[in-house]
ModelCIF file with pLDDT and N, C-alpha, C, O atoms, coordinates in Angstrom:
data_MODEL
#
_entry.id   MODEL 
#
_entity.id                         1 
_entity.type                       polymer 
_entity.pdbx_number_of_molecules   1 
#
_entity_poly.entity_id                      1 
_entity_poly.type                           'polypeptide(L)' 
_entity_poly.nstd_linkage                   no 
_entity_poly.nstd_monomer                   no 
_entity_poly.pdbx_seq_one_letter_code       RPVLLDFWAPWCGPCRMVGPIVDEIAQERADIKVGKVNVDEQPELARQ 
_entity_poly.pdbx_seq_one_letter_code_can   RPVLLDFWAPWCGPCRMVGPIVDEIAQERADIKVGKVNVDEQPELARQ 
_entity_poly.pdbx_strand_id                 A 
#
loop_
_entity_poly_seq.entity_id 
_entity_poly_seq.num 
_entity_poly_seq.mon_id 
_entity_poly_seq.hetero 
1 1  ARG n 
1 2  PRO n 
1 3  VAL n 
1 4  LEU n 
1 5  LEU n 
1 6  ASP n 
1 7  PHE n 
1 8  TRP n 
1 9  ALA n 
1 10 PRO n 
1 11 TRP n 
1 12 CYS n 
1 13 GLY n 
1 14 PRO n 
1 15 CYS n 
1 16 ARG n 
1 17 MET n 
1 18 VAL n 
1 19 GLY n 
1 20 PRO n 
1 21 ILE n 
1 22 VAL n 
1 23 ASP n 
1 24 GLU n 
1 25 ILE n 
1 26 ALA n 
1 27 GLN n 
1 28 GLU n 
1 29 ARG n 
1 30 ALA n 
1 31 ASP n 
1 32 ILE n 
1 33 LYS n 
1 34 VAL n 
1 35 GLY n 
1 36 LYS n 
1 37 VAL n 
1 38 ASN n 
1 39 VAL n 
1 40 ASP n 
1 41 GLU n 
1 42 GLN n 
1 43 PRO n 
1 44 GLU n 
1 45 LEU n 
1 46 ALA n 
1 47 ARG n 
1 48 GLN n 
#
_struct_asym.id          A 
_struct_asym.entity_id   1 
#
loop_
_ma_qa_metric.id 
_ma_qa_metric.mode 
_ma_qa_metric.name 
_ma_qa_metric.software_group_id 
_ma_qa_metric.type 
1 global pLDDT . pLDDT 
2 local  pLDDT . pLDDT 
#
_ma_qa_metric_global.metric_id      1 
_ma_qa_metric_global.metric_value   96.54 
_ma_qa_metric_global.model_id       1 
_ma_qa_metric_global.ordinal_id     1 
#
loop_
_ma_qa_metric_local.label_asym_id 
_ma_qa_metric_local.label_comp_id 
_ma_qa_metric_local.label_seq_id 
_ma_qa_metric_local.metric_id 
_ma_qa_metric_local.metric_value 
_ma_qa_metric_local.model_id 
_ma_qa_metric_local.ordinal_id 
A ARG 1  2 96.00 1 1  
A PRO 2  2 97.00 1 2  
A VAL 3  2 97.00 1 3  
A LEU 4  2 98.00 1 4  
A LEU 5  2 97.00 1 5  
A ASP 6  2 98.00 1 6  
A PHE 7  2 98.00 1 7  
A TRP 8  2 98.00 1 8  
A ALA 9  2 97.00 1 9  
A PRO 10 2 96.00 1 10 
A TRP 11 2 97.00 1 11 
A CYS 12 2 97.00 1 12 
A GLY 13 2 96.00 1 13 
A PRO 14 2 97.00 1 14 
A CYS 15 2 97.00 1 15 
A ARG 16 2 96.00 1 16 
A MET 17 2 96.00 1 17 
A VAL 18 2 97.00 1 18 
A GLY 19 2 96.00 1 19 
A PRO 20 2 96.00 1 20 
A ILE 21 2 97.00 1 21 
A VAL 22 2 96.00 1 22 
A ASP 23 2 96.00 1 23 
A GLU 24 2 96.00 1 24 
A ILE 25 2 97.00 1 25 
A ALA 26 2 96.00 1 26 
A GLN 27 2 96.00 1 27 
A GLU 28 2 96.00 1 28 
A ARG 29 2 95.00 1 29 
A ALA 30 2 93.00 1 30 
A ASP 31 2 95.00 1 31 
A ILE 32 2 96.00 1 32 
A LYS 33 2 97.00 1 33 
A VAL 34 2 97.00 1 34 
A GLY 35 2 97.00 1 35 
A LYS 36 2 98.00 1 36 
A VAL 37 2 98.00 1 37 
A ASN 38 2 98.00 1 38 
A VAL 39 2 97.00 1 39 
A ASP 40 2 97.00 1 40 
A GLU 41 2 97.00 1 41 
A GLN 42 2 97.00 1 42 
A PRO 43 2 97.00 1 43 
A GLU 44 2 96.00 1 44 
A LEU 45 2 95.00 1 45 
A ALA 46 2 96.00 1 46 
A ARG 47 2 96.00 1 47 
A GLN 48 2 95.00 1 48 
#
loop_
_atom_site.group_PDB 
_atom_site.id 
_atom_site.type_symbol 
_atom_site.label_atom_id 
_atom_site.label_alt_id 
_atom_site.label_comp_id 
_atom_site.label_asym_id 
_atom_site.label_entity_id 
_atom_site.label_seq_id 
_atom_site.pdbx_PDB_ins_code 
_atom_site.Cartn_x 
_atom_site.Cartn_y 
_atom_site.Cartn_z 
_atom_site.occupancy 
_atom_site.B_iso_or_equiv 
_atom_site.pdbx_formal_charge 
_atom_site.auth_seq_id 
_atom_site.auth_comp_id 
_atom_site.auth_asym_id 
_atom_site.auth_atom_id 
_atom_site.pdbx_PDB_model_num 
ATOM 1   N N  . ARG A 1 1  ? -7.581  -2.796 -15.132 1.00 96.00 ? 1  ARG A N  1 
ATOM 2   C CA . ARG A 1 1  ? -7.723  -1.484 -15.764 1.00 96.00 ? 1  ARG A CA 1 
ATOM 3   C C  . ARG A 1 1  ? -6.397  -1.104 -16.429 1.00 96.00 ? 1  ARG A C  1 
ATOM 4   O O  . ARG A 1 1  ? -5.347  -1.622 -16.049 1.00 96.00 ? 1  ARG A O  1 
ATOM 5   N N  . PRO A 1 2  ? -6.434  -0.215 -17.406 1.00 97.00 ? 2  PRO A N  1 
ATOM 6   C CA . PRO A 1 2  ? -5.170  0.301  -17.940 1.00 97.00 ? 2  PRO A CA 1 
ATOM 7   C C  . PRO A 1 2  ? -4.377  0.983  -16.818 1.00 97.00 ? 2  PRO A C  1 
ATOM 8   O O  . PRO A 1 2  ? -4.957  1.546  -15.889 1.00 97.00 ? 2  PRO A O  1 
ATOM 9   N N  . VAL A 1 3  ? -3.049  0.924  -16.917 1.00 97.00 ? 3  VAL A N  1 
ATOM 10  C CA . VAL A 1 3  ? -2.185  1.493  -15.888 1.00 97.00 ? 3  VAL A CA 1 
ATOM 11  C C  . VAL A 1 3  ? -1.308  2.579  -16.510 1.00 97.00 ? 3  VAL A C  1 
ATOM 12  O O  . VAL A 1 3  ? -0.610  2.341  -17.496 1.00 97.00 ? 3  VAL A O  1 
ATOM 13  N N  . LEU A 1 4  ? -1.355  3.770  -15.921 1.00 98.00 ? 4  LEU A N  1 
ATOM 14  C CA . LEU A 1 4  ? -0.441  4.844  -16.284 1.00 98.00 ? 4  LEU A CA 1 
ATOM 15  C C  . LEU A 1 4  ? 0.750   4.745  -15.344 1.00 98.00 ? 4  LEU A C  1 
ATOM 16  O O  . LEU A 1 4  ? 0.614   4.943  -14.137 1.00 98.00 ? 4  LEU A O  1 
ATOM 17  N N  . LEU A 1 5  ? 1.925   4.437  -15.902 1.00 97.00 ? 5  LEU A N  1 
ATOM 18  C CA . LEU A 1 5  ? 3.146   4.328  -15.096 1.00 97.00 ? 5  LEU A CA 1 
ATOM 19  C C  . LEU A 1 5  ? 3.987   5.581  -15.267 1.00 97.00 ? 5  LEU A C  1 
ATOM 20  O O  . LEU A 1 5  ? 4.232   6.037  -16.384 1.00 97.00 ? 5  LEU A O  1 
ATOM 21  N N  . ASP A 1 6  ? 4.421   6.127  -14.147 1.00 98.00 ? 6  ASP A N  1 
ATOM 22  C CA . ASP A 1 6  ? 5.298   7.293  -14.130 1.00 98.00 ? 6  ASP A CA 1 
ATOM 23  C C  . ASP A 1 6  ? 6.654   6.833  -13.613 1.00 98.00 ? 6  ASP A C  1 
ATOM 24  O O  . ASP A 1 6  ? 6.797   6.545  -12.424 1.00 98.00 ? 6  ASP A O  1 
ATOM 25  N N  . PHE A 1 7  ? 7.659   6.760  -14.499 1.00 98.00 ? 7  PHE A N  1 
ATOM 26  C CA . PHE A 1 7  ? 9.031   6.440  -14.099 1.00 98.00 ? 7  PHE A CA 1 
ATOM 27  C C  . PHE A 1 7  ? 9.698   7.769  -13.753 1.00 98.00 ? 7  PHE A C  1 
ATOM 28  O O  . PHE A 1 7  ? 9.794   8.660  -14.597 1.00 98.00 ? 7  PHE A O  1 
ATOM 29  N N  . TRP A 1 8  ? 10.158  7.898  -12.505 1.00 98.00 ? 8  TRP A N  1 
ATOM 30  C CA . TRP A 1 8  ? 10.636  9.177  -11.994 1.00 98.00 ? 8  TRP A CA 1 
ATOM 31  C C  . TRP A 1 8  ? 11.770  8.979  -10.995 1.00 98.00 ? 8  TRP A C  1 
ATOM 32  O O  . TRP A 1 8  ? 12.106  7.848  -10.644 1.00 98.00 ? 8  TRP A O  1 
ATOM 33  N N  . ALA A 1 9  ? 12.356  10.082 -10.539 1.00 97.00 ? 9  ALA A N  1 
ATOM 34  C CA . ALA A 1 9  ? 13.342  10.086 -9.455  1.00 97.00 ? 9  ALA A CA 1 
ATOM 35  C C  . ALA A 1 9  ? 13.195  11.402 -8.696  1.00 97.00 ? 9  ALA A C  1 
ATOM 36  O O  . ALA A 1 9  ? 12.836  12.422 -9.284  1.00 97.00 ? 9  ALA A O  1 
ATOM 37  N N  . PRO A 1 10 ? 13.474  11.382 -7.384  1.00 96.00 ? 10 PRO A N  1 
ATOM 38  C CA . PRO A 1 10 ? 13.273  12.579 -6.566  1.00 96.00 ? 10 PRO A CA 1 
ATOM 39  C C  . PRO A 1 10 ? 14.183  13.754 -6.963  1.00 96.00 ? 10 PRO A C  1 
ATOM 40  O O  . PRO A 1 10 ? 13.816  14.907 -6.736  1.00 96.00 ? 10 PRO A O  1 
ATOM 41  N N  . TRP A 1 11 ? 15.334  13.493 -7.537  1.00 97.00 ? 11 TRP A N  1 
ATOM 42  C CA . TRP A 1 11 ? 16.278  14.544 -7.907  1.00 97.00 ? 11 TRP A CA 1 
ATOM 43  C C  . TRP A 1 11 ? 15.977  15.171 -9.270  1.00 97.00 ? 11 TRP A C  1 
ATOM 44  O O  . TRP A 1 11 ? 16.635  16.133 -9.668  1.00 97.00 ? 11 TRP A O  1 
ATOM 45  N N  . CYS A 1 12 ? 15.000  14.638 -9.977  1.00 97.00 ? 12 CYS A N  1 
ATOM 46  C CA . CYS A 1 12 ? 14.697  15.042 -11.358 1.00 97.00 ? 12 CYS A CA 1 
ATOM 47  C C  . CYS A 1 12 ? 13.694  16.204 -11.369 1.00 97.00 ? 12 CYS A C  1 
ATOM 48  O O  . CYS A 1 12 ? 12.537  16.038 -10.981 1.00 97.00 ? 12 CYS A O  1 
ATOM 49  N N  . GLY A 1 13 ? 14.152  17.388 -11.820 1.00 96.00 ? 13 GLY A N  1 
ATOM 50  C CA . GLY A 1 13 ? 13.290  18.569 -11.869 1.00 96.00 ? 13 GLY A CA 1 
ATOM 51  C C  . GLY A 1 13 ? 12.024  18.374 -12.690 1.00 96.00 ? 13 GLY A C  1 
ATOM 52  O O  . GLY A 1 13 ? 10.932  18.655 -12.197 1.00 96.00 ? 13 GLY A O  1 
ATOM 53  N N  . PRO A 1 14 ? 12.138  17.895 -13.946 1.00 97.00 ? 14 PRO A N  1 
ATOM 54  C CA . PRO A 1 14 ? 10.928  17.673 -14.735 1.00 97.00 ? 14 PRO A CA 1 
ATOM 55  C C  . PRO A 1 14 ? 9.985   16.643 -14.090 1.00 97.00 ? 14 PRO A C  1 
ATOM 56  O O  . PRO A 1 14 ? 8.767   16.742 -14.236 1.00 97.00 ? 14 PRO A O  1 
ATOM 57  N N  . CYS A 1 15 ? 10.546  15.665 -13.383 1.00 97.00 ? 15 CYS A N  1 
ATOM 58  C CA . CYS A 1 15 ? 9.711   14.671 -12.686 1.00 97.00 ? 15 CYS A CA 1 
ATOM 59  C C  . CYS A 1 15 ? 8.881   15.342 -11.601 1.00 97.00 ? 15 CYS A C  1 
ATOM 60  O O  . CYS A 1 15 ? 7.722   14.989 -11.385 1.00 97.00 ? 15 CYS A O  1 
ATOM 61  N N  . ARG A 1 16 ? 9.486   16.317 -10.918 1.00 96.00 ? 16 ARG A N  1 
ATOM 62  C CA . ARG A 1 16 ? 8.758   17.037 -9.862  1.00 96.00 ? 16 ARG A CA 1 
ATOM 63  C C  . ARG A 1 16 ? 7.645   17.896 -10.451 1.00 96.00 ? 16 ARG A C  1 
ATOM 64  O O  . ARG A 1 16 ? 6.672   18.205 -9.762  1.00 96.00 ? 16 ARG A O  1 
ATOM 65  N N  . MET A 1 17 ? 7.777   18.288 -11.728 1.00 96.00 ? 17 MET A N  1 
ATOM 66  C CA . MET A 1 17 ? 6.711   19.046 -12.394 1.00 96.00 ? 17 MET A CA 1 
ATOM 67  C C  . MET A 1 17 ? 5.570   18.105 -12.789 1.00 96.00 ? 17 MET A C  1 
ATOM 68  O O  . MET A 1 17 ? 4.400   18.466 -12.663 1.00 96.00 ? 17 MET A O  1 
ATOM 69  N N  . VAL A 1 18 ? 5.899   16.915 -13.261 1.00 97.00 ? 18 VAL A N  1 
ATOM 70  C CA . VAL A 1 18 ? 4.894   15.957 -13.740 1.00 97.00 ? 18 VAL A CA 1 
ATOM 71  C C  . VAL A 1 18 ? 4.189   15.249 -12.578 1.00 97.00 ? 18 VAL A C  1 
ATOM 72  O O  . VAL A 1 18 ? 3.010   14.913 -12.686 1.00 97.00 ? 18 VAL A O  1 
ATOM 73  N N  . GLY A 1 19 ? 4.891   15.024 -11.486 1.00 96.00 ? 19 GLY A N  1 
ATOM 74  C CA . GLY A 1 19 ? 4.355   14.269 -10.352 1.00 96.00 ? 19 GLY A CA 1 
ATOM 75  C C  . GLY A 1 19 ? 2.984   14.720 -9.872  1.00 96.00 ? 19 GLY A C  1 
ATOM 76  O O  . GLY A 1 19 ? 2.080   13.893 -9.750  1.00 96.00 ? 19 GLY A O  1 
ATOM 77  N N  . PRO A 1 20 ? 2.803   16.024 -9.593  1.00 96.00 ? 20 PRO A N  1 
ATOM 78  C CA . PRO A 1 20 ? 1.479   16.480 -9.139  1.00 96.00 ? 20 PRO A CA 1 
ATOM 79  C C  . PRO A 1 20 ? 0.379   16.272 -10.180 1.00 96.00 ? 20 PRO A C  1 
ATOM 80  O O  . PRO A 1 20 ? -0.773  16.022 -9.825  1.00 96.00 ? 20 PRO A O  1 
ATOM 81  N N  . ILE A 1 21 ? 0.730   16.374 -11.455 1.00 97.00 ? 21 ILE A N  1 
ATOM 82  C CA . ILE A 1 21 ? -0.251  16.151 -12.520 1.00 97.00 ? 21 ILE A CA 1 
ATOM 83  C C  . ILE A 1 21 ? -0.684  14.685 -12.517 1.00 97.00 ? 21 ILE A C  1 
ATOM 84  O O  . ILE A 1 21 ? -1.869  14.375 -12.636 1.00 97.00 ? 21 ILE A O  1 
ATOM 85  N N  . VAL A 1 22 ? 0.297   13.789 -12.379 1.00 96.00 ? 22 VAL A N  1 
ATOM 86  C CA . VAL A 1 22 ? -0.002  12.359 -12.340 1.00 96.00 ? 22 VAL A CA 1 
ATOM 87  C C  . VAL A 1 22 ? -0.872  12.037 -11.124 1.00 96.00 ? 22 VAL A C  1 
ATOM 88  O O  . VAL A 1 22 ? -1.808  11.244 -11.221 1.00 96.00 ? 22 VAL A O  1 
ATOM 89  N N  . ASP A 1 23 ? -0.563  12.653 -9.981  1.00 96.00 ? 23 ASP A N  1 
ATOM 90  C CA . ASP A 1 23 ? -1.376  12.453 -8.773  1.00 96.00 ? 23 ASP A CA 1 
ATOM 91  C C  . ASP A 1 23 ? -2.804  12.948 -8.985  1.00 96.00 ? 23 ASP A C  1 
ATOM 92  O O  . ASP A 1 23 ? -3.761  12.316 -8.536  1.00 96.00 ? 23 ASP A O  1 
ATOM 93  N N  . GLU A 1 24 ? -2.939  14.074 -9.668  1.00 96.00 ? 24 GLU A N  1 
ATOM 94  C CA . GLU A 1 24 ? -4.257  14.634 -9.954  1.00 96.00 ? 24 GLU A CA 1 
ATOM 95  C C  . GLU A 1 24 ? -5.068  13.682 -10.845 1.00 96.00 ? 24 GLU A C  1 
ATOM 96  O O  . GLU A 1 24 ? -6.258  13.469 -10.612 1.00 96.00 ? 24 GLU A O  1 
ATOM 97  N N  . ILE A 1 25 ? -4.421  13.120 -11.854 1.00 97.00 ? 25 ILE A N  1 
ATOM 98  C CA . ILE A 1 25 ? -5.088  12.158 -12.740 1.00 97.00 ? 25 ILE A CA 1 
ATOM 99  C C  . ILE A 1 25 ? -5.540  10.938 -11.938 1.00 97.00 ? 25 ILE A C  1 
ATOM 100 O O  . ILE A 1 25 ? -6.631  10.413 -12.158 1.00 97.00 ? 25 ILE A O  1 
ATOM 101 N N  . ALA A 1 26 ? -4.694  10.489 -11.005 1.00 96.00 ? 26 ALA A N  1 
ATOM 102 C CA . ALA A 1 26 ? -5.051  9.336  -10.164 1.00 96.00 ? 26 ALA A CA 1 
ATOM 103 C C  . ALA A 1 26 ? -6.324  9.614  -9.371  1.00 96.00 ? 26 ALA A C  1 
ATOM 104 O O  . ALA A 1 26 ? -7.154  8.722  -9.192  1.00 96.00 ? 26 ALA A O  1 
ATOM 105 N N  . GLN A 1 27 ? -6.479  10.848 -8.896  1.00 96.00 ? 27 GLN A N  1 
ATOM 106 C CA . GLN A 1 27 ? -7.663  11.225 -8.122  1.00 96.00 ? 27 GLN A CA 1 
ATOM 107 C C  . GLN A 1 27 ? -8.908  11.326 -8.994  1.00 96.00 ? 27 GLN A C  1 
ATOM 108 O O  . GLN A 1 27 ? -10.010 11.001 -8.553  1.00 96.00 ? 27 GLN A O  1 
ATOM 109 N N  . GLU A 1 28 ? -8.727  11.780 -10.238 1.00 96.00 ? 28 GLU A N  1 
ATOM 110 C CA . GLU A 1 28 ? -9.860  12.061 -11.115 1.00 96.00 ? 28 GLU A CA 1 
ATOM 111 C C  . GLU A 1 28 ? -10.371 10.852 -11.898 1.00 96.00 ? 28 GLU A C  1 
ATOM 112 O O  . GLU A 1 28 ? -11.556 10.788 -12.226 1.00 96.00 ? 28 GLU A O  1 
ATOM 113 N N  . ARG A 1 29 ? -9.502  9.902  -12.200 1.00 95.00 ? 29 ARG A N  1 
ATOM 114 C CA . ARG A 1 29 ? -9.859  8.835  -13.131 1.00 95.00 ? 29 ARG A CA 1 
ATOM 115 C C  . ARG A 1 29 ? -9.910  7.475  -12.432 1.00 95.00 ? 29 ARG A C  1 
ATOM 116 O O  . ARG A 1 29 ? -8.882  6.822  -12.252 1.00 95.00 ? 29 ARG A O  1 
ATOM 117 N N  . ALA A 1 30 ? -11.100 7.060  -12.046 1.00 93.00 ? 30 ALA A N  1 
ATOM 118 C CA . ALA A 1 30 ? -11.265 5.751  -11.401 1.00 93.00 ? 30 ALA A CA 1 
ATOM 119 C C  . ALA A 1 30 ? -11.177 4.607  -12.410 1.00 93.00 ? 30 ALA A C  1 
ATOM 120 O O  . ALA A 1 30 ? -11.046 3.444  -12.028 1.00 93.00 ? 30 ALA A O  1 
ATOM 121 N N  . ASP A 1 31 ? -11.250 4.942  -13.701 1.00 95.00 ? 31 ASP A N  1 
ATOM 122 C CA . ASP A 1 31 ? -11.222 3.902  -14.735 1.00 95.00 ? 31 ASP A CA 1 
ATOM 123 C C  . ASP A 1 31 ? -9.809  3.440  -15.082 1.00 95.00 ? 31 ASP A C  1 
ATOM 124 O O  . ASP A 1 31 ? -9.636  2.492  -15.847 1.00 95.00 ? 31 ASP A O  1 
ATOM 125 N N  . ILE A 1 32 ? -8.793  4.111  -14.520 1.00 96.00 ? 32 ILE A N  1 
ATOM 126 C CA . ILE A 1 32 ? -7.410  3.694  -14.743 1.00 96.00 ? 32 ILE A CA 1 
ATOM 127 C C  . ILE A 1 32 ? -6.710  3.567  -13.395 1.00 96.00 ? 32 ILE A C  1 
ATOM 128 O O  . ILE A 1 32 ? -7.176  4.090  -12.383 1.00 96.00 ? 32 ILE A O  1 
ATOM 129 N N  . LYS A 1 33 ? -5.590  2.867  -13.404 1.00 97.00 ? 33 LYS A N  1 
ATOM 130 C CA . LYS A 1 33 ? -4.730  2.785  -12.229 1.00 97.00 ? 33 LYS A CA 1 
ATOM 131 C C  . LYS A 1 33 ? -3.497  3.615  -12.544 1.00 97.00 ? 33 LYS A C  1 
ATOM 132 O O  . LYS A 1 33 ? -3.011  3.599  -13.674 1.00 97.00 ? 33 LYS A O  1 
ATOM 133 N N  . VAL A 1 34 ? -2.996  4.328  -11.570 1.00 97.00 ? 34 VAL A N  1 
ATOM 134 C CA . VAL A 1 34 ? -1.792  5.131  -11.744 1.00 97.00 ? 34 VAL A CA 1 
ATOM 135 C C  . VAL A 1 34 ? -0.719  4.571  -10.825 1.00 97.00 ? 34 VAL A C  1 
ATOM 136 O O  . VAL A 1 34 ? -0.938  4.390  -9.627  1.00 97.00 ? 34 VAL A O  1 
ATOM 137 N N  . GLY A 1 35 ? 0.438   4.301  -11.403 1.00 97.00 ? 35 GLY A N  1 
ATOM 138 C CA . GLY A 1 35 ? 1.560   3.769  -10.634 1.00 97.00 ? 35 GLY A CA 1 
ATOM 139 C C  . GLY A 1 35 ? 2.793   4.621  -10.822 1.00 97.00 ? 35 GLY A C  1 
ATOM 140 O O  . GLY A 1 35 ? 3.014   5.196  -11.888 1.00 97.00 ? 35 GLY A O  1 
ATOM 141 N N  . LYS A 1 36 ? 3.595   4.697  -9.770  1.00 98.00 ? 36 LYS A N  1 
ATOM 142 C CA . LYS A 1 36 ? 4.845   5.458  -9.823  1.00 98.00 ? 36 LYS A CA 1 
ATOM 143 C C  . LYS A 1 36 ? 6.009   4.511  -9.558  1.00 98.00 ? 36 LYS A C  1 
ATOM 144 O O  . LYS A 1 36 ? 5.997   3.735  -8.602  1.00 98.00 ? 36 LYS A O  1 
ATOM 145 N N  . VAL A 1 37 ? 7.010   4.595  -10.424 1.00 98.00 ? 37 VAL A N  1 
ATOM 146 C CA . VAL A 1 37 ? 8.206   3.761  -10.297 1.00 98.00 ? 37 VAL A CA 1 
ATOM 147 C C  . VAL A 1 37 ? 9.400   4.685  -10.066 1.00 98.00 ? 37 VAL A C  1 
ATOM 148 O O  . VAL A 1 37 ? 9.804   5.422  -10.965 1.00 98.00 ? 37 VAL A O  1 
ATOM 149 N N  . ASN A 1 38 ? 9.960   4.642  -8.857  1.00 98.00 ? 38 ASN A N  1 
ATOM 150 C CA . ASN A 1 38 ? 11.164  5.405  -8.547  1.00 98.00 ? 38 ASN A CA 1 
ATOM 151 C C  . ASN A 1 38 ? 12.340  4.636  -9.157  1.00 98.00 ? 38 ASN A C  1 
ATOM 152 O O  . ASN A 1 38 ? 12.686  3.554  -8.684  1.00 98.00 ? 38 ASN A O  1 
ATOM 153 N N  . VAL A 1 39 ? 12.955  5.193  -10.206 1.00 97.00 ? 39 VAL A N  1 
ATOM 154 C CA . VAL A 1 39 ? 13.998  4.464  -10.932 1.00 97.00 ? 39 VAL A CA 1 
ATOM 155 C C  . VAL A 1 39 ? 15.252  4.247  -10.097 1.00 97.00 ? 39 VAL A C  1 
ATOM 156 O O  . VAL A 1 39 ? 16.014  3.318  -10.366 1.00 97.00 ? 39 VAL A O  1 
ATOM 157 N N  . ASP A 1 40 ? 15.483  5.087  -9.084  1.00 97.00 ? 40 ASP A N  1 
ATOM 158 C CA . ASP A 1 40 ? 16.636  4.882  -8.202  1.00 97.00 ? 40 ASP A CA 1 
ATOM 159 C C  . ASP A 1 40 ? 16.431  3.653  -7.324  1.00 97.00 ? 40 ASP A C  1 
ATOM 160 O O  . ASP A 1 40 ? 17.380  2.923  -7.039  1.00 97.00 ? 40 ASP A O  1 
ATOM 161 N N  . GLU A 1 41 ? 15.197  3.425  -6.897  1.00 97.00 ? 41 GLU A N  1 
ATOM 162 C CA . GLU A 1 41 ? 14.881  2.288  -6.027  1.00 97.00 ? 41 GLU A CA 1 
ATOM 163 C C  . GLU A 1 41 ? 14.546  1.029  -6.819  1.00 97.00 ? 41 GLU A C  1 
ATOM 164 O O  . GLU A 1 41 ? 14.658  -0.078 -6.291  1.00 97.00 ? 41 GLU A O  1 
ATOM 165 N N  . GLN A 1 42 ? 14.137  1.181  -8.076  1.00 97.00 ? 42 GLN A N  1 
ATOM 166 C CA . GLN A 1 42 ? 13.704  0.044  -8.906  1.00 97.00 ? 42 GLN A CA 1 
ATOM 167 C C  . GLN A 1 42 ? 14.446  0.028  -10.252 1.00 97.00 ? 42 GLN A C  1 
ATOM 168 O O  . GLN A 1 42 ? 13.813  0.114  -11.304 1.00 97.00 ? 42 GLN A O  1 
ATOM 169 N N  . PRO A 1 43 ? 15.779  -0.081 -10.225 1.00 97.00 ? 43 PRO A N  1 
ATOM 170 C CA . PRO A 1 43 ? 16.517  -0.044 -11.496 1.00 97.00 ? 43 PRO A CA 1 
ATOM 171 C C  . PRO A 1 43 ? 16.174  -1.213 -12.417 1.00 97.00 ? 43 PRO A C  1 
ATOM 172 O O  . PRO A 1 43 ? 16.270  -1.088 -13.638 1.00 97.00 ? 43 PRO A O  1 
ATOM 173 N N  . GLU A 1 44 ? 15.771  -2.359 -11.835 1.00 96.00 ? 44 GLU A N  1 
ATOM 174 C CA . GLU A 1 44 ? 15.419  -3.522 -12.669 1.00 96.00 ? 44 GLU A CA 1 
ATOM 175 C C  . GLU A 1 44 ? 14.197  -3.217 -13.536 1.00 96.00 ? 44 GLU A C  1 
ATOM 176 O O  . GLU A 1 44 ? 14.164  -3.583 -14.711 1.00 96.00 ? 44 GLU A O  1 
ATOM 177 N N  . LEU A 1 45 ? 13.190  -2.547 -12.959 1.00 95.00 ? 45 LEU A N  1 
ATOM 178 C CA . LEU A 1 45 ? 11.995  -2.200 -13.729 1.00 95.00 ? 45 LEU A CA 1 
ATOM 179 C C  . LEU A 1 45 ? 12.328  -1.168 -14.803 1.00 95.00 ? 45 LEU A C  1 
ATOM 180 O O  . LEU A 1 45 ? 11.814  -1.240 -15.919 1.00 95.00 ? 45 LEU A O  1 
ATOM 181 N N  . ALA A 1 46 ? 13.181  -0.216 -14.465 1.00 96.00 ? 46 ALA A N  1 
ATOM 182 C CA . ALA A 1 46 ? 13.582  0.790  -15.459 1.00 96.00 ? 46 ALA A CA 1 
ATOM 183 C C  . ALA A 1 46 ? 14.298  0.099  -16.622 1.00 96.00 ? 46 ALA A C  1 
ATOM 184 O O  . ALA A 1 46 ? 14.047  0.426  -17.782 1.00 96.00 ? 46 ALA A O  1 
ATOM 185 N N  . ARG A 1 47 ? 15.177  -0.843 -16.323 1.00 96.00 ? 47 ARG A N  1 
ATOM 186 C CA . ARG A 1 47 ? 15.888  -1.586 -17.370 1.00 96.00 ? 47 ARG A CA 1 
ATOM 187 C C  . ARG A 1 47 ? 14.925  -2.430 -18.194 1.00 96.00 ? 47 ARG A C  1 
ATOM 188 O O  . ARG A 1 47 ? 15.022  -2.478 -19.420 1.00 96.00 ? 47 ARG A O  1 
ATOM 189 N N  . GLN A 1 48 ? 13.996  -3.094 -17.513 1.00 95.00 ? 48 GLN A N  1 
ATOM 190 C CA . GLN A 1 48 ? 13.029  -3.958 -18.193 1.00 95.00 ? 48 GLN A CA 1 
ATOM 191 C C  . GLN A 1 48 ? 12.259  -3.194 -19.266 1.00 95.00 ? 48 GLN A C  1 
ATOM 192 O O  . GLN A 1 48 ? 11.402  -3.769 -19.938 1.00 95.00 ? 48 GLN A O  1 
#
C-alpha cells in the first residue's frame, strides 16, 4: 500500500500538532500505511 511517512521529533512543536492528525489518518484509512520516523533516533533515514 502507499505509505505516509511522518518525519518528526519529540521536541518539535509543529510535529506535536501534526502527530495526532497523522494518527487519526492511520485509524481512518486502511488503504494506506502510516509510518513515523523519529529523526533523532533515525538520522540515517532522515539523511537518506
